Amino acid sequence: MIRIAVMHVPRAHEVVGESIISLKNNSRGVITLMPDGSHSVDHVKTELDIKAFNIGKQVGCFKHYARCLEYLTNISQGNDIVAVLPDDLIYRNLDGIEKALKPNVGYCAIYTPHELGRRNRWKFGGWQESKGGWDSSYGGGYFFRASTVRKILEHPFFIDHRDNYKENQQIDHCIPEVVHQLGLKQLFHVPSLSKHIGLTSTIGHEHTEAEEPWGWK
């Protein structure tokens, strides 16, 4: 089974509906909309026929990501696949993830930014390996085996980042660092399997040319 949480924060121009429709059309995952805070998402839940769950008060980017991961993992079996995604992506066919997530793979990332692909000179046509930890890659849209997520959630680096990193962000630096320390492979798909449709990220960062998806046409 594939379990996917879509994080949500209110935006001036909402794109969550378009994002979830695209995800439903390109994935066989069970989708749960998980707002960061107590705001209602009932209209989205009803209109798109998905699950929704308010997990608690607003805690900010990384802390919300961490608790969404923990929630999905707690209701999953070890071989299930889990992912926590933002509310501003559209997608292409994600069916290849299950096959790619072998025991030695920490994650499969479905968002490959233009600058990351250019920097690594990645060729088109499948999964490419990123090596290194913090600041070696960025982007994300990470899919994991639930058994791997349990190791990540218990890892000292992850716990310290969650509890003490003042900016409460950098998901796409912390996860590669922990997976690197665990000695597992980090895979990014080329071309990118997702694209931002919001003008800003969930935490308000503006998207630039460097964040355009590598190879998306």
N, C-alpha and C. Protein backbone atom coordinates (compact mmCIF):
# COMPACT_ATOMS: atom_id res chain seq x y z
N MET A 1 0.83 -1.20 0.00
CA MET A 1 0.00 0.00 0.00
C MET A 1 0.87 1.25 0.00
N ILE A 2 0.39 2.29 -0.68
CA ILE A 2 1.06 3.59 -0.68
C ILE A 2 0.18 4.58 0.08
N ARG A 3 0.74 5.21 1.09
CA ARG A 3 0.01 6.20 1.88
C ARG A 3 0.68 7.56 1.69
N ILE A 4 -0.11 8.55 1.34
CA ILE A 4 0.41 9.88 1.04
C ILE A 4 -0.31 10.92 1.89
N ALA A 5 0.46 11.73 2.60
CA ALA A 5 -0.09 12.89 3.29
C ALA A 5 0.24 14.14 2.48
N VAL A 6 -0.75 14.98 2.27
CA VAL A 6 -0.53 16.27 1.61
C VAL A 6 -0.67 17.35 2.67
N MET A 7 0.43 18.04 2.95
CA MET A 7 0.40 19.12 3.93
C MET A 7 -0.33 20.33 3.34
N HIS A 8 -1.00 21.09 4.20
CA HIS A 8 -1.72 22.26 3.71
C HIS A 8 -1.58 23.42 4.66
N VAL A 9 -1.29 24.59 4.08
CA VAL A 9 -1.41 25.87 4.78
C VAL A 9 -2.25 26.79 3.89
N PRO A 10 -3.05 27.68 4.47
CA PRO A 10 -3.87 28.57 3.65
C PRO A 10 -3.01 29.47 2.77
N ARG A 11 -3.48 29.70 1.54
CA ARG A 11 -2.79 30.57 0.59
C ARG A 11 -3.78 31.61 0.07
N ALA A 12 -3.23 32.74 -0.40
CA ALA A 12 -4.07 33.75 -1.04
C ALA A 12 -4.71 33.18 -2.30
N HIS A 13 -3.94 32.38 -3.03
CA HIS A 13 -4.45 31.71 -4.23
C HIS A 13 -4.27 30.21 -4.04
N GLU A 14 -5.34 29.51 -3.71
CA GLU A 14 -5.25 28.09 -3.39
C GLU A 14 -5.03 27.24 -4.65
N VAL A 15 -4.13 26.27 -4.54
CA VAL A 15 -3.88 25.34 -5.64
C VAL A 15 -4.00 23.89 -5.16
N VAL A 16 -4.43 23.70 -3.92
CA VAL A 16 -4.46 22.35 -3.34
C VAL A 16 -5.40 21.43 -4.10
N GLY A 17 -6.52 21.95 -4.59
CA GLY A 17 -7.45 21.11 -5.34
C GLY A 17 -6.84 20.58 -6.61
N GLU A 18 -6.21 21.46 -7.37
CA GLU A 18 -5.54 21.05 -8.61
C GLU A 18 -4.43 20.05 -8.33
N SER A 19 -3.70 20.27 -7.23
CA SER A 19 -2.61 19.38 -6.86
C SER A 19 -3.13 17.98 -6.53
N ILE A 20 -4.18 17.89 -5.74
CA ILE A 20 -4.69 16.58 -5.32
C ILE A 20 -5.32 15.84 -6.49
N ILE A 21 -6.02 16.56 -7.38
CA ILE A 21 -6.58 15.90 -8.57
C ILE A 21 -5.46 15.28 -9.39
N SER A 22 -4.37 16.02 -9.58
CA SER A 22 -3.23 15.50 -10.34
C SER A 22 -2.63 14.29 -9.64
N LEU A 23 -2.53 14.35 -8.32
CA LEU A 23 -1.97 13.22 -7.56
C LEU A 23 -2.86 11.99 -7.68
N LYS A 24 -4.16 12.17 -7.59
CA LYS A 24 -5.10 11.05 -7.73
C LYS A 24 -5.01 10.41 -9.12
N ASN A 25 -4.79 11.24 -10.12
CA ASN A 25 -4.72 10.74 -11.50
C ASN A 25 -3.41 10.04 -11.82
N ASN A 26 -2.39 10.26 -11.02
CA ASN A 26 -1.06 9.75 -11.34
C ASN A 26 -0.48 8.82 -10.28
N SER A 27 -1.28 8.45 -9.30
CA SER A 27 -0.79 7.60 -8.21
C SER A 27 -1.91 6.69 -7.73
N ARG A 28 -1.53 5.55 -7.20
CA ARG A 28 -2.49 4.63 -6.60
C ARG A 28 -2.51 4.78 -5.07
N GLY A 29 -1.94 5.87 -4.58
CA GLY A 29 -1.82 6.05 -3.14
C GLY A 29 -3.12 6.46 -2.48
N VAL A 30 -3.24 6.13 -1.19
CA VAL A 30 -4.34 6.60 -0.35
C VAL A 30 -3.94 7.97 0.19
N ILE A 31 -4.70 8.99 -0.15
CA ILE A 31 -4.33 10.37 0.13
C ILE A 31 -5.06 10.89 1.37
N THR A 32 -4.32 11.53 2.27
CA THR A 32 -4.89 12.20 3.43
C THR A 32 -4.41 13.64 3.44
N LEU A 33 -5.32 14.59 3.44
CA LEU A 33 -4.97 16.00 3.53
C LEU A 33 -4.76 16.36 4.99
N MET A 34 -3.58 16.91 5.31
CA MET A 34 -3.22 17.16 6.71
C MET A 34 -2.80 18.61 6.89
N PRO A 35 -3.74 19.47 7.30
CA PRO A 35 -3.41 20.88 7.50
C PRO A 35 -2.49 21.09 8.70
N ASP A 36 -1.64 22.11 8.58
CA ASP A 36 -0.81 22.52 9.71
C ASP A 36 -1.60 23.56 10.50
N GLY A 37 -2.35 23.09 11.47
CA GLY A 37 -3.19 23.98 12.25
C GLY A 37 -4.63 23.51 12.27
N SER A 38 -5.49 24.34 12.81
CA SER A 38 -6.88 23.93 13.04
C SER A 38 -7.84 24.40 11.95
N HIS A 39 -7.34 25.04 10.90
CA HIS A 39 -8.24 25.53 9.85
C HIS A 39 -8.94 24.37 9.14
N SER A 40 -10.14 24.63 8.68
CA SER A 40 -10.95 23.59 8.06
C SER A 40 -10.54 23.35 6.61
N VAL A 41 -10.51 22.07 6.24
CA VAL A 41 -10.30 21.69 4.83
C VAL A 41 -11.46 20.80 4.37
N ASP A 42 -12.61 20.92 5.05
CA ASP A 42 -13.76 20.06 4.75
C ASP A 42 -14.24 20.21 3.31
N HIS A 43 -14.15 21.43 2.77
CA HIS A 43 -14.61 21.65 1.40
C HIS A 43 -13.78 20.86 0.40
N VAL A 44 -12.47 20.77 0.65
CA VAL A 44 -11.58 19.99 -0.22
C VAL A 44 -11.84 18.50 -0.04
N LYS A 45 -11.96 18.10 1.21
CA LYS A 45 -12.23 16.69 1.53
C LYS A 45 -13.50 16.20 0.84
N THR A 46 -14.56 16.99 0.93
CA THR A 46 -15.85 16.58 0.36
C THR A 46 -15.83 16.60 -1.16
N GLU A 47 -15.31 17.67 -1.72
CA GLU A 47 -15.33 17.83 -3.17
C GLU A 47 -14.48 16.79 -3.89
N LEU A 48 -13.34 16.42 -3.28
CA LEU A 48 -12.41 15.51 -3.95
C LEU A 48 -12.48 14.09 -3.40
N ASP A 49 -13.35 13.87 -2.42
CA ASP A 49 -13.57 12.52 -1.86
C ASP A 49 -12.26 11.91 -1.35
N ILE A 50 -11.60 12.63 -0.46
CA ILE A 50 -10.37 12.15 0.16
C ILE A 50 -10.50 12.23 1.67
N LYS A 51 -9.55 11.64 2.37
CA LYS A 51 -9.51 11.74 3.82
C LYS A 51 -8.85 13.07 4.21
N ALA A 52 -9.18 13.55 5.40
CA ALA A 52 -8.53 14.73 5.95
C ALA A 52 -8.38 14.54 7.45
N PHE A 53 -7.29 15.06 7.99
CA PHE A 53 -7.02 14.86 9.41
C PHE A 53 -6.28 16.06 9.97
N ASN A 54 -6.88 16.74 10.94
CA ASN A 54 -6.20 17.82 11.67
C ASN A 54 -5.42 17.20 12.81
N ILE A 55 -4.10 17.22 12.68
CA ILE A 55 -3.25 16.49 13.61
C ILE A 55 -2.91 17.30 14.86
N GLY A 56 -3.16 18.61 14.83
CA GLY A 56 -2.88 19.42 16.01
C GLY A 56 -2.67 20.88 15.66
N LYS A 57 -2.22 21.66 16.62
CA LYS A 57 -2.02 23.09 16.42
C LYS A 57 -0.92 23.33 15.39
N GLN A 58 -0.87 24.56 14.88
CA GLN A 58 0.13 24.91 13.89
C GLN A 58 1.53 24.88 14.52
N VAL A 59 2.45 24.16 13.86
CA VAL A 59 3.80 24.02 14.41
C VAL A 59 4.87 24.44 13.42
N GLY A 60 4.52 24.70 12.17
CA GLY A 60 5.51 25.13 11.19
C GLY A 60 6.04 23.99 10.35
N CYS A 61 6.83 24.36 9.37
CA CYS A 61 7.21 23.48 8.26
C CYS A 61 7.79 22.13 8.66
N PHE A 62 8.98 22.13 9.24
CA PHE A 62 9.65 20.84 9.48
C PHE A 62 8.93 20.02 10.54
N LYS A 63 8.49 20.67 11.59
CA LYS A 63 7.80 19.93 12.66
C LYS A 63 6.52 19.29 12.15
N HIS A 64 5.82 19.99 11.26
CA HIS A 64 4.60 19.40 10.70
C HIS A 64 4.95 18.23 9.78
N TYR A 65 5.98 18.40 8.98
CA TYR A 65 6.44 17.30 8.12
C TYR A 65 6.77 16.07 8.96
N ALA A 66 7.48 16.28 10.06
CA ALA A 66 7.89 15.17 10.92
C ALA A 66 6.68 14.45 11.52
N ARG A 67 5.70 15.21 11.99
CA ARG A 67 4.55 14.54 12.62
C ARG A 67 3.67 13.86 11.58
N CYS A 68 3.62 14.39 10.35
CA CYS A 68 2.89 13.70 9.29
C CYS A 68 3.56 12.38 8.94
N LEU A 69 4.89 12.39 8.85
CA LEU A 69 5.64 11.15 8.60
C LEU A 69 5.36 10.13 9.70
N GLU A 70 5.39 10.60 10.93
CA GLU A 70 5.16 9.69 12.06
C GLU A 70 3.75 9.11 12.02
N TYR A 71 2.77 9.95 11.70
CA TYR A 71 1.38 9.49 11.62
C TYR A 71 1.23 8.40 10.56
N LEU A 72 1.75 8.64 9.37
CA LEU A 72 1.64 7.65 8.30
C LEU A 72 2.34 6.35 8.66
N THR A 73 3.50 6.46 9.27
CA THR A 73 4.28 5.27 9.61
C THR A 73 3.57 4.44 10.68
N ASN A 74 2.92 5.11 11.61
CA ASN A 74 2.24 4.39 12.68
C ASN A 74 1.06 3.57 12.19
N ILE A 75 0.50 3.93 11.03
CA ILE A 75 -0.64 3.18 10.51
C ILE A 75 -0.23 2.28 9.34
N SER A 76 1.08 2.13 9.12
CA SER A 76 1.59 1.36 7.99
C SER A 76 2.31 0.11 8.42
N GLN A 77 2.37 -0.85 7.51
CA GLN A 77 3.24 -2.02 7.66
C GLN A 77 4.63 -1.66 7.15
N GLY A 78 5.61 -2.45 7.51
CA GLY A 78 7.00 -2.13 7.19
C GLY A 78 7.30 -1.98 5.72
N ASN A 79 6.60 -2.74 4.87
CA ASN A 79 6.87 -2.70 3.44
C ASN A 79 5.98 -1.69 2.70
N ASP A 80 5.06 -1.04 3.41
CA ASP A 80 4.24 -0.01 2.79
C ASP A 80 5.13 1.17 2.37
N ILE A 81 4.64 1.95 1.43
CA ILE A 81 5.34 3.14 0.98
C ILE A 81 4.61 4.36 1.52
N VAL A 82 5.37 5.32 2.03
CA VAL A 82 4.77 6.54 2.57
C VAL A 82 5.46 7.76 1.98
N ALA A 83 4.71 8.85 1.88
CA ALA A 83 5.26 10.12 1.41
C ALA A 83 4.47 11.26 2.02
N VAL A 84 5.17 12.35 2.33
CA VAL A 84 4.54 13.57 2.79
C VAL A 84 4.89 14.66 1.78
N LEU A 85 3.87 15.22 1.13
CA LEU A 85 4.06 16.12 0.00
C LEU A 85 3.45 17.49 0.29
N PRO A 86 3.98 18.54 -0.36
CA PRO A 86 3.37 19.86 -0.24
C PRO A 86 2.07 19.94 -1.04
N ASP A 87 1.37 21.06 -0.90
CA ASP A 87 0.06 21.20 -1.53
C ASP A 87 0.10 22.00 -2.83
N ASP A 88 1.30 22.08 -3.45
CA ASP A 88 1.42 22.93 -4.63
C ASP A 88 2.16 22.24 -5.77
N LEU A 89 2.01 20.91 -5.89
CA LEU A 89 2.66 20.18 -6.96
C LEU A 89 1.62 19.57 -7.90
N ILE A 90 1.99 19.44 -9.17
CA ILE A 90 1.27 18.56 -10.08
C ILE A 90 2.23 17.45 -10.48
N TYR A 91 1.68 16.34 -10.98
CA TYR A 91 2.45 15.10 -11.07
C TYR A 91 2.37 14.44 -12.43
N ARG A 92 3.34 13.55 -12.67
CA ARG A 92 3.29 12.59 -13.75
C ARG A 92 3.23 11.20 -13.16
N ASN A 93 3.11 10.20 -14.00
CA ASN A 93 2.90 8.82 -13.55
C ASN A 93 3.93 8.40 -12.50
N LEU A 94 3.46 7.99 -11.32
CA LEU A 94 4.33 7.63 -10.21
C LEU A 94 4.43 6.11 -9.99
N ASP A 95 3.97 5.34 -10.96
CA ASP A 95 3.90 3.89 -10.77
C ASP A 95 5.27 3.22 -10.60
N GLY A 96 6.35 3.85 -11.07
CA GLY A 96 7.66 3.21 -11.00
C GLY A 96 8.31 3.24 -9.64
N ILE A 97 7.71 3.92 -8.69
CA ILE A 97 8.36 4.10 -7.38
C ILE A 97 8.49 2.79 -6.63
N GLU A 98 7.44 1.98 -6.63
CA GLU A 98 7.47 0.73 -5.87
C GLU A 98 8.64 -0.16 -6.29
N LYS A 99 8.86 -0.27 -7.58
CA LYS A 99 9.94 -1.10 -8.10
C LYS A 99 11.31 -0.53 -7.75
N ALA A 100 11.41 0.80 -7.74
CA ALA A 100 12.70 1.45 -7.48
C ALA A 100 13.10 1.42 -6.01
N LEU A 101 12.12 1.31 -5.10
CA LEU A 101 12.42 1.35 -3.67
C LEU A 101 12.90 -0.02 -3.18
N LYS A 102 14.11 -0.37 -3.57
CA LYS A 102 14.72 -1.63 -3.15
C LYS A 102 15.24 -1.50 -1.71
N PRO A 103 15.61 -2.59 -1.06
CA PRO A 103 16.03 -2.53 0.34
C PRO A 103 17.20 -1.59 0.62
N ASN A 104 18.07 -1.36 -0.38
CA ASN A 104 19.22 -0.48 -0.16
C ASN A 104 18.96 0.97 -0.55
N VAL A 105 17.69 1.30 -0.86
CA VAL A 105 17.32 2.66 -1.26
C VAL A 105 16.61 3.36 -0.11
N GLY A 106 17.12 4.52 0.28
CA GLY A 106 16.50 5.27 1.37
C GLY A 106 15.25 5.99 0.95
N TYR A 107 15.31 6.63 -0.23
CA TYR A 107 14.14 7.32 -0.74
C TYR A 107 14.21 7.44 -2.26
N CYS A 108 13.04 7.63 -2.86
CA CYS A 108 12.91 8.03 -4.25
C CYS A 108 12.29 9.42 -4.25
N ALA A 109 12.98 10.39 -4.85
CA ALA A 109 12.51 11.77 -4.89
C ALA A 109 11.85 12.04 -6.24
N ILE A 110 10.64 12.59 -6.21
CA ILE A 110 9.91 12.81 -7.46
C ILE A 110 9.98 14.25 -7.93
N TYR A 111 10.60 15.14 -7.14
CA TYR A 111 10.80 16.51 -7.59
C TYR A 111 12.29 16.75 -7.76
N THR A 112 12.71 16.91 -9.01
CA THR A 112 14.12 17.13 -9.35
C THR A 112 14.26 18.53 -9.94
N PRO A 113 14.79 19.48 -9.17
CA PRO A 113 14.91 20.85 -9.67
C PRO A 113 15.91 20.96 -10.83
N HIS A 114 15.69 21.95 -11.66
CA HIS A 114 16.55 22.18 -12.82
C HIS A 114 18.02 22.30 -12.42
N GLU A 115 18.30 23.09 -11.39
CA GLU A 115 19.69 23.31 -11.00
C GLU A 115 20.36 22.03 -10.52
N LEU A 116 19.62 21.17 -9.84
CA LEU A 116 20.20 19.92 -9.36
C LEU A 116 20.53 18.99 -10.53
N GLY A 117 19.63 18.91 -11.50
CA GLY A 117 19.91 18.09 -12.67
C GLY A 117 21.08 18.62 -13.47
N ARG A 118 21.14 19.95 -13.64
CA ARG A 118 22.24 20.56 -14.38
C ARG A 118 23.57 20.34 -13.68
N ARG A 119 23.58 20.55 -12.37
CA ARG A 119 24.80 20.41 -11.59
C ARG A 119 25.38 19.01 -11.69
N ASN A 120 24.51 18.01 -11.67
CA ASN A 120 24.97 16.63 -11.70
C ASN A 120 25.07 16.04 -13.11
N ARG A 121 24.67 16.84 -14.11
CA ARG A 121 24.68 16.39 -15.51
C ARG A 121 23.92 15.07 -15.67
N TRP A 122 22.78 15.01 -15.02
CA TRP A 122 21.98 13.80 -15.08
C TRP A 122 21.33 13.64 -16.44
N LYS A 123 21.42 12.45 -16.98
CA LYS A 123 20.79 12.13 -18.26
C LYS A 123 19.35 11.71 -18.02
N PHE A 124 18.53 11.94 -19.02
CA PHE A 124 17.11 11.61 -18.91
C PHE A 124 16.88 10.11 -19.10
N GLY A 125 15.85 9.62 -18.44
CA GLY A 125 15.48 8.24 -18.69
C GLY A 125 15.38 7.35 -17.48
N GLY A 126 15.24 7.92 -16.26
CA GLY A 126 15.07 7.05 -15.11
C GLY A 126 15.63 7.63 -13.83
N TRP A 127 15.96 6.73 -12.90
CA TRP A 127 16.41 7.14 -11.58
C TRP A 127 17.91 7.38 -11.57
N GLN A 128 18.32 8.50 -10.98
CA GLN A 128 19.72 8.87 -10.86
C GLN A 128 20.07 8.96 -9.37
N GLU A 129 21.29 8.55 -9.04
CA GLU A 129 21.70 8.55 -7.63
C GLU A 129 22.38 9.86 -7.24
N SER A 130 21.94 10.42 -6.12
CA SER A 130 22.59 11.57 -5.51
C SER A 130 23.40 11.07 -4.32
N LYS A 131 24.62 11.56 -4.20
CA LYS A 131 25.49 11.12 -3.11
C LYS A 131 25.83 12.30 -2.21
N GLY A 132 26.00 12.01 -0.93
CA GLY A 132 26.33 13.05 0.03
C GLY A 132 25.14 13.36 0.92
N GLY A 133 25.38 14.25 1.88
CA GLY A 133 24.37 14.58 2.86
C GLY A 133 23.87 16.00 2.73
N TRP A 134 23.96 16.74 3.80
CA TRP A 134 23.46 18.11 3.89
C TRP A 134 24.01 18.96 2.74
N ASP A 135 23.13 19.65 2.05
CA ASP A 135 23.47 20.58 0.97
C ASP A 135 24.00 19.89 -0.29
N SER A 136 23.94 18.56 -0.35
CA SER A 136 24.37 17.87 -1.58
C SER A 136 23.25 17.80 -2.60
N SER A 137 22.01 17.96 -2.13
CA SER A 137 20.86 17.95 -3.03
C SER A 137 19.75 18.79 -2.40
N TYR A 138 18.73 19.03 -3.18
CA TYR A 138 17.54 19.69 -2.65
C TYR A 138 16.39 19.32 -3.57
N GLY A 139 15.20 19.78 -3.23
CA GLY A 139 14.02 19.40 -4.02
C GLY A 139 13.13 18.51 -3.19
N GLY A 140 13.12 17.22 -3.50
CA GLY A 140 12.42 16.29 -2.63
C GLY A 140 11.19 15.66 -3.25
N GLY A 141 10.11 15.67 -2.46
CA GLY A 141 8.98 14.84 -2.81
C GLY A 141 9.36 13.39 -2.54
N TYR A 142 9.81 13.13 -1.30
CA TYR A 142 10.42 11.85 -0.96
C TYR A 142 9.39 10.76 -0.71
N PHE A 143 9.58 9.61 -1.34
CA PHE A 143 8.83 8.39 -1.06
C PHE A 143 9.76 7.40 -0.38
N PHE A 144 9.29 6.79 0.71
CA PHE A 144 10.09 5.87 1.51
C PHE A 144 9.32 4.58 1.77
N ARG A 145 10.05 3.53 2.13
CA ARG A 145 9.43 2.39 2.79
C ARG A 145 9.17 2.80 4.24
N ALA A 146 8.07 2.35 4.80
CA ALA A 146 7.75 2.70 6.19
C ALA A 146 8.84 2.23 7.15
N SER A 147 9.46 1.10 6.85
CA SER A 147 10.54 0.60 7.70
C SER A 147 11.72 1.56 7.72
N THR A 148 11.98 2.23 6.60
CA THR A 148 13.06 3.22 6.54
C THR A 148 12.69 4.46 7.32
N VAL A 149 11.43 4.88 7.23
CA VAL A 149 11.01 6.07 7.95
C VAL A 149 11.18 5.89 9.46
N ARG A 150 10.93 4.69 9.94
CA ARG A 150 11.11 4.45 11.38
C ARG A 150 12.57 4.70 11.79
N LYS A 151 13.49 4.29 10.95
CA LYS A 151 14.91 4.55 11.23
C LYS A 151 15.22 6.04 11.18
N ILE A 152 14.61 6.73 10.22
CA ILE A 152 14.84 8.17 10.11
C ILE A 152 14.30 8.91 11.32
N LEU A 153 13.09 8.57 11.74
CA LEU A 153 12.47 9.26 12.88
C LEU A 153 13.23 9.04 14.18
N GLU A 154 13.93 7.91 14.27
CA GLU A 154 14.70 7.60 15.49
C GLU A 154 16.14 8.08 15.42
N HIS A 155 16.55 8.62 14.29
CA HIS A 155 17.95 8.99 14.11
C HIS A 155 18.28 10.28 14.88
N PRO A 156 19.41 10.33 15.58
CA PRO A 156 19.76 11.51 16.38
C PRO A 156 19.81 12.81 15.58
N PHE A 157 20.29 12.75 14.34
CA PHE A 157 20.36 13.98 13.54
C PHE A 157 18.97 14.51 13.25
N PHE A 158 18.05 13.62 12.89
CA PHE A 158 16.67 14.03 12.61
C PHE A 158 16.03 14.62 13.86
N ILE A 159 16.18 13.96 14.98
CA ILE A 159 15.57 14.42 16.23
C ILE A 159 16.12 15.79 16.62
N ASP A 160 17.44 15.96 16.50
CA ASP A 160 18.05 17.25 16.85
C ASP A 160 17.56 18.35 15.92
N HIS A 161 17.46 18.04 14.62
CA HIS A 161 16.98 19.04 13.66
C HIS A 161 15.53 19.42 13.96
N ARG A 162 14.71 18.45 14.22
CA ARG A 162 13.30 18.70 14.51
C ARG A 162 13.12 19.56 15.75
N ASP A 163 13.90 19.28 16.77
CA ASP A 163 13.69 19.92 18.07
C ASP A 163 14.46 21.22 18.26
N ASN A 164 15.57 21.39 17.51
CA ASN A 164 16.46 22.50 17.82
C ASN A 164 16.79 23.42 16.66
N TYR A 165 16.45 23.06 15.42
CA TYR A 165 16.80 23.91 14.29
C TYR A 165 15.87 25.11 14.27
N LYS A 166 16.41 26.28 14.50
CA LYS A 166 15.62 27.48 14.75
C LYS A 166 14.68 27.82 13.60
N GLU A 167 15.14 27.66 12.35
CA GLU A 167 14.34 28.07 11.20
C GLU A 167 13.16 27.13 10.96
N ASN A 168 13.20 25.91 11.52
CA ASN A 168 12.08 24.97 11.42
C ASN A 168 11.75 24.66 9.95
N GLN A 169 12.81 24.42 9.16
CA GLN A 169 12.61 24.09 7.76
C GLN A 169 13.75 23.18 7.28
N GLN A 170 14.15 23.28 6.00
CA GLN A 170 15.23 22.49 5.42
C GLN A 170 14.95 20.99 5.42
N ILE A 171 13.72 20.62 5.07
CA ILE A 171 13.40 19.20 4.90
C ILE A 171 14.35 18.57 3.90
N ASP A 172 14.60 19.30 2.79
CA ASP A 172 15.39 18.73 1.70
C ASP A 172 16.89 18.77 1.94
N HIS A 173 17.32 19.18 3.12
CA HIS A 173 18.72 19.02 3.53
C HIS A 173 18.83 17.99 4.64
N CYS A 174 17.88 18.01 5.57
CA CYS A 174 17.91 17.07 6.69
C CYS A 174 17.72 15.63 6.22
N ILE A 175 16.73 15.39 5.37
CA ILE A 175 16.45 14.01 4.93
C ILE A 175 17.65 13.42 4.20
N PRO A 176 18.26 14.10 3.22
CA PRO A 176 19.45 13.54 2.59
C PRO A 176 20.58 13.27 3.58
N GLU A 177 20.76 14.13 4.58
CA GLU A 177 21.83 13.91 5.55
C GLU A 177 21.58 12.64 6.35
N VAL A 178 20.36 12.44 6.82
CA VAL A 178 20.06 11.25 7.61
C VAL A 178 20.18 9.99 6.76
N VAL A 179 19.64 10.02 5.56
CA VAL A 179 19.72 8.84 4.69
C VAL A 179 21.17 8.54 4.32
N HIS A 180 21.95 9.58 4.11
CA HIS A 180 23.39 9.40 3.87
C HIS A 180 24.06 8.73 5.06
N GLN A 181 23.76 9.19 6.27
CA GLN A 181 24.35 8.57 7.46
C GLN A 181 23.89 7.13 7.65
N LEU A 182 22.69 6.81 7.16
CA LEU A 182 22.20 5.44 7.25
C LEU A 182 22.82 4.53 6.19
N GLY A 183 23.56 5.12 5.25
CA GLY A 183 24.24 4.33 4.22
C GLY A 183 23.30 3.81 3.14
N LEU A 184 22.21 4.52 2.90
CA LEU A 184 21.23 4.11 1.90
C LEU A 184 21.30 5.01 0.67
N LYS A 185 20.86 4.48 -0.47
CA LYS A 185 20.90 5.24 -1.72
C LYS A 185 19.81 6.31 -1.75
N GLN A 186 20.11 7.40 -2.48
CA GLN A 186 19.18 8.50 -2.66
C GLN A 186 18.93 8.66 -4.16
N LEU A 187 17.69 8.44 -4.58
CA LEU A 187 17.36 8.43 -6.00
C LEU A 187 16.44 9.59 -6.38
N PHE A 188 16.78 10.25 -7.48
CA PHE A 188 15.96 11.30 -8.06
C PHE A 188 15.57 10.88 -9.47
N HIS A 189 14.34 11.14 -9.85
CA HIS A 189 13.90 10.74 -11.18
C HIS A 189 14.16 11.85 -12.19
N VAL A 190 14.70 11.43 -13.36
CA VAL A 190 14.95 12.35 -14.46
C VAL A 190 14.22 11.81 -15.70
N PRO A 191 13.28 12.59 -16.24
CA PRO A 191 12.90 13.94 -15.84
C PRO A 191 12.11 13.95 -14.54
N SER A 192 11.98 15.14 -13.98
CA SER A 192 11.20 15.30 -12.75
C SER A 192 9.78 14.80 -12.94
N LEU A 193 9.25 14.18 -11.90
CA LEU A 193 7.88 13.65 -11.94
C LEU A 193 6.87 14.60 -11.31
N SER A 194 7.33 15.78 -10.89
CA SER A 194 6.40 16.76 -10.33
C SER A 194 6.89 18.17 -10.64
N LYS A 195 5.96 19.11 -10.51
CA LYS A 195 6.24 20.51 -10.84
C LYS A 195 5.43 21.40 -9.91
N HIS A 196 6.06 22.48 -9.42
CA HIS A 196 5.34 23.45 -8.59
C HIS A 196 4.36 24.25 -9.44
N ILE A 197 3.17 24.45 -8.90
CA ILE A 197 2.19 25.31 -9.57
C ILE A 197 1.87 26.55 -8.74
N GLY A 198 2.32 26.58 -7.48
CA GLY A 198 2.16 27.77 -6.65
C GLY A 198 3.29 28.74 -6.92
N LEU A 199 3.02 30.03 -6.72
CA LEU A 199 4.06 31.03 -6.91
C LEU A 199 5.09 30.98 -5.80
N THR A 200 4.67 30.48 -4.63
CA THR A 200 5.58 30.36 -3.50
C THR A 200 5.45 28.97 -2.92
N SER A 201 6.47 28.57 -2.16
CA SER A 201 6.43 27.27 -1.50
C SER A 201 5.50 27.33 -0.30
N THR A 202 5.32 26.18 0.36
CA THR A 202 4.45 26.12 1.52
C THR A 202 4.90 27.06 2.63
N ILE A 203 6.21 27.33 2.70
CA ILE A 203 6.71 28.22 3.75
C ILE A 203 6.99 29.62 3.23
N GLY A 204 6.57 29.91 1.98
CA GLY A 204 6.65 31.28 1.48
C GLY A 204 7.84 31.60 0.61
N HIS A 205 8.69 30.62 0.29
CA HIS A 205 9.82 30.88 -0.60
C HIS A 205 9.33 31.04 -2.04
N GLU A 206 9.84 32.06 -2.73
CA GLU A 206 9.47 32.25 -4.12
C GLU A 206 10.20 31.24 -5.00
N HIS A 207 9.49 30.70 -5.99
CA HIS A 207 10.09 29.75 -6.91
C HIS A 207 10.78 30.49 -8.05
N THR A 208 12.03 30.12 -8.33
CA THR A 208 12.83 30.75 -9.38
C THR A 208 13.10 29.74 -10.48
N GLU A 209 13.85 30.15 -11.49
CA GLU A 209 14.19 29.25 -12.60
C GLU A 209 14.93 28.02 -12.11
N ALA A 210 15.75 28.19 -11.05
CA ALA A 210 16.51 27.06 -10.51
C ALA A 210 15.60 25.98 -9.95
N GLU A 211 14.37 26.36 -9.55
CA GLU A 211 13.43 25.38 -9.00
C GLU A 211 12.51 24.78 -10.05
N GLU A 212 12.63 25.23 -11.30
CA GLU A 212 11.85 24.61 -12.36
C GLU A 212 12.23 23.13 -12.46
N PRO A 213 11.30 22.25 -12.79
CA PRO A 213 11.62 20.82 -12.81
C PRO A 213 12.55 20.47 -13.97
N TRP A 214 13.54 19.65 -13.69
CA TRP A 214 14.53 19.24 -14.68
C TRP A 214 13.88 18.29 -15.69
N GLY A 215 13.83 18.73 -16.95
CA GLY A 215 13.34 17.89 -18.02
C GLY A 215 11.85 17.87 -18.20
N TRP A 216 11.10 18.70 -17.45
CA TRP A 216 9.64 18.70 -17.58
C TRP A 216 9.26 19.48 -18.84
N LYS A 217 8.51 18.84 -19.73
CA LYS A 217 8.07 19.51 -20.96
C LYS A 217 6.58 19.29 -21.15
